[in-house]
Amino acid sequence: MEQRVVIGAGQQNNNPGWTHTQENELNLLVRDHWSRLFTPGSLSAVLAEHVWEHLPYEEGIEAESSTMKNGTREKGSSTGPSGSITGTGTGN
């Protein structure tokens, strides 16, 4: 089953049908969080608005790697510099 996830949703829950996560549930840098919540390749979209700019460069690269391992490309997804999913057409 393909899933869509919002990373760092905060108090917002305005994406019906998406899994909304907080940092304590899905920390981009903790690989165990990914494996506990998702099967690799099960994500069809990842939305991370106002998340990446809070990470130092090195952590951003590591987070991108984790996202790429757990996501799959979907038409309309925006991608980061190495082609990983970082959003869903939101201009990330």
Protein backbone atom coordinates (compact mmCIF):
# COMPACT_ATOMS: atom_id res chain seq x y z
CA MET A 1 0.00 0.00 0.00
CA GLU A 2 1.38 3.40 -0.96
CA GLN A 3 1.31 6.11 1.66
CA ARG A 4 1.76 9.86 1.70
CA VAL A 5 3.41 11.52 4.69
CA VAL A 6 3.67 15.07 6.05
CA ILE A 7 6.91 15.56 7.97
CA GLY A 8 6.78 18.06 10.81
CA ALA A 9 3.07 18.76 10.45
CA GLY A 10 2.90 20.82 13.63
CA GLN A 11 -0.67 21.64 14.58
CA GLN A 12 -1.80 21.41 10.96
CA ASN A 13 -3.91 18.50 9.77
CA ASN A 14 -5.05 19.82 6.41
CA ASN A 15 -4.01 16.96 4.13
CA PRO A 16 -6.79 14.35 4.36
CA GLY A 17 -5.55 10.82 3.74
CA TRP A 18 -1.95 11.69 4.59
CA THR A 19 0.01 10.48 7.63
CA HIS A 20 0.87 13.59 9.70
CA THR A 21 4.04 13.27 11.77
CA GLN A 22 5.95 15.23 14.38
CA GLU A 23 9.71 15.20 14.93
CA ASN A 24 9.41 12.86 17.91
CA GLU A 25 7.53 10.32 15.73
CA LEU A 26 9.55 10.67 12.53
CA ASN A 27 12.89 12.35 12.91
CA LEU A 28 14.44 12.56 9.44
CA LEU A 29 17.82 11.61 10.87
CA VAL A 30 16.72 8.50 12.79
CA ARG A 31 16.59 5.57 10.38
CA ASP A 32 14.76 3.43 12.94
CA HIS A 33 11.85 5.89 12.84
CA TRP A 34 11.51 5.30 9.09
CA SER A 35 11.66 1.52 9.34
CA ARG A 36 9.19 1.47 12.24
CA LEU A 37 6.60 3.51 10.33
CA PHE A 38 7.11 2.63 6.66
CA THR A 39 8.15 -0.19 4.39
CA PRO A 40 10.93 0.98 2.03
CA GLY A 41 9.42 2.20 -1.22
CA SER A 42 5.90 2.45 0.24
CA LEU A 43 5.70 6.24 0.13
CA SER A 44 4.24 7.85 -2.95
CA ALA A 45 4.75 11.41 -1.65
CA VAL A 46 6.60 13.22 1.12
CA LEU A 47 5.66 16.77 2.15
CA ALA A 48 8.18 18.60 4.34
CA GLU A 49 7.30 22.27 4.33
CA HIS A 50 9.49 24.49 6.50
CA VAL A 51 11.65 21.56 7.61
CA TRP A 52 14.79 21.45 5.45
CA GLU A 53 15.86 25.03 6.16
CA HIS A 54 16.22 24.15 9.86
CA LEU A 55 18.83 21.47 9.20
CA PRO A 56 22.57 22.11 8.87
CA TYR A 57 23.87 21.13 5.43
CA GLU A 58 25.29 17.75 6.54
CA GLU A 59 22.06 16.77 8.30
CA GLY A 60 20.09 17.84 5.24
CA ILE A 61 22.10 15.43 3.08
CA GLU A 62 21.57 12.63 5.62
CA ALA A 63 17.82 13.37 5.84
CA GLU A 64 17.58 13.42 2.05
CA SER A 65 19.20 9.98 1.92
CA SER A 66 16.68 8.56 4.41
CA THR A 67 13.80 10.12 2.49
CA MET A 68 15.04 8.70 -0.80
CA LYS A 69 15.37 5.19 0.63
CA ASN A 70 11.78 5.28 1.84
CA GLY A 71 10.07 7.13 -0.96
CA THR A 72 9.11 6.55 -4.53
CA ARG A 73 8.68 9.17 -7.18
CA GLU A 74 5.23 10.41 -8.00
CA LYS A 75 4.29 12.71 -10.83
CA GLY A 76 4.16 16.23 -9.41
CA SER A 77 6.73 15.68 -6.68
CA SER A 78 9.49 18.21 -6.34
CA THR A 79 12.98 16.89 -5.80
CA GLY A 80 16.11 17.91 -3.97
CA PRO A 81 19.54 18.38 -5.57
CA SER A 82 20.28 14.67 -5.85
CA GLY A 83 16.80 13.75 -7.05
CA SER A 84 15.17 12.65 -3.79
CA ILE A 85 11.60 13.43 -2.92
CA THR A 86 11.34 16.52 -0.73
CA GLY A 87 7.78 17.63 -1.30
CA THR A 88 4.78 17.40 -3.54
CA GLY A 89 5.03 20.30 -5.90
CA THR A 90 5.14 22.93 -3.16
CA GLY A 91 8.28 24.59 -4.47
CA ASN A 92 10.65 23.19 -1.84
